[in-house]
Amino acid sequence: MARTSIGLFGLLIGAALCVPALAGANEKTAANAILGRWITAKDISNVEISRCGENYCGKIVSLKEPTYGKGDPEEGKPQHDRENPDDTLKARPLIGLPLLEGFTYEGDGTWDDGTIYDPESGKTYKCVIRIADGGKTLNVRGFIGFSLLGRTTVWKRVETPEKK
């Protein structure tokens, strides 16, 4: 009888130790929900979001218009970071350009404490990202100072053949 009690006690202790590990696994799965490819607003580009150390980051992996269009002074040339205020960065191609940096998962489908770079203006903004629509969309809010003073765009997840 004592053997059963010790066995049961050991089982209860083991189960209690597993609960935090399972919670941590669920938290990691939720945090990684942002990973993958996303189509930005107005279908301008695709952004790949990945892990960068302990944080999340994203870079442009394709453009709807990879070269400058008709009437542009650089017509036919690959698009580059020409609006960047740092002259040494203006020649960087937009494809491969870091767009999102430094995001941490805050829980409840929210990533915060990061920045978003706008290659159309050459400006960097604070940013918060919220996943929505069952993981099919991201609400990406760039702002200056307070998130109330900002703009939200909606990005859609790129469906890969294995996810269809």
Foldseek 3Di string as FASTA:
>chain_A
DVVVVVVVVVVVVVVVVVVVVVVVVVLVVLFCLLAAWKQWPPSAFIKGWDDDDQFIWIATAGGPDQADDPPDPRHPHGAFLCQAPDPVRRRHGRHGGTAKDDWHDPDPQKTAPIWGADSVNNDIFGWMWGADDVSQKIWIWGAHPDSVHTDTTIIGGDDDPVND
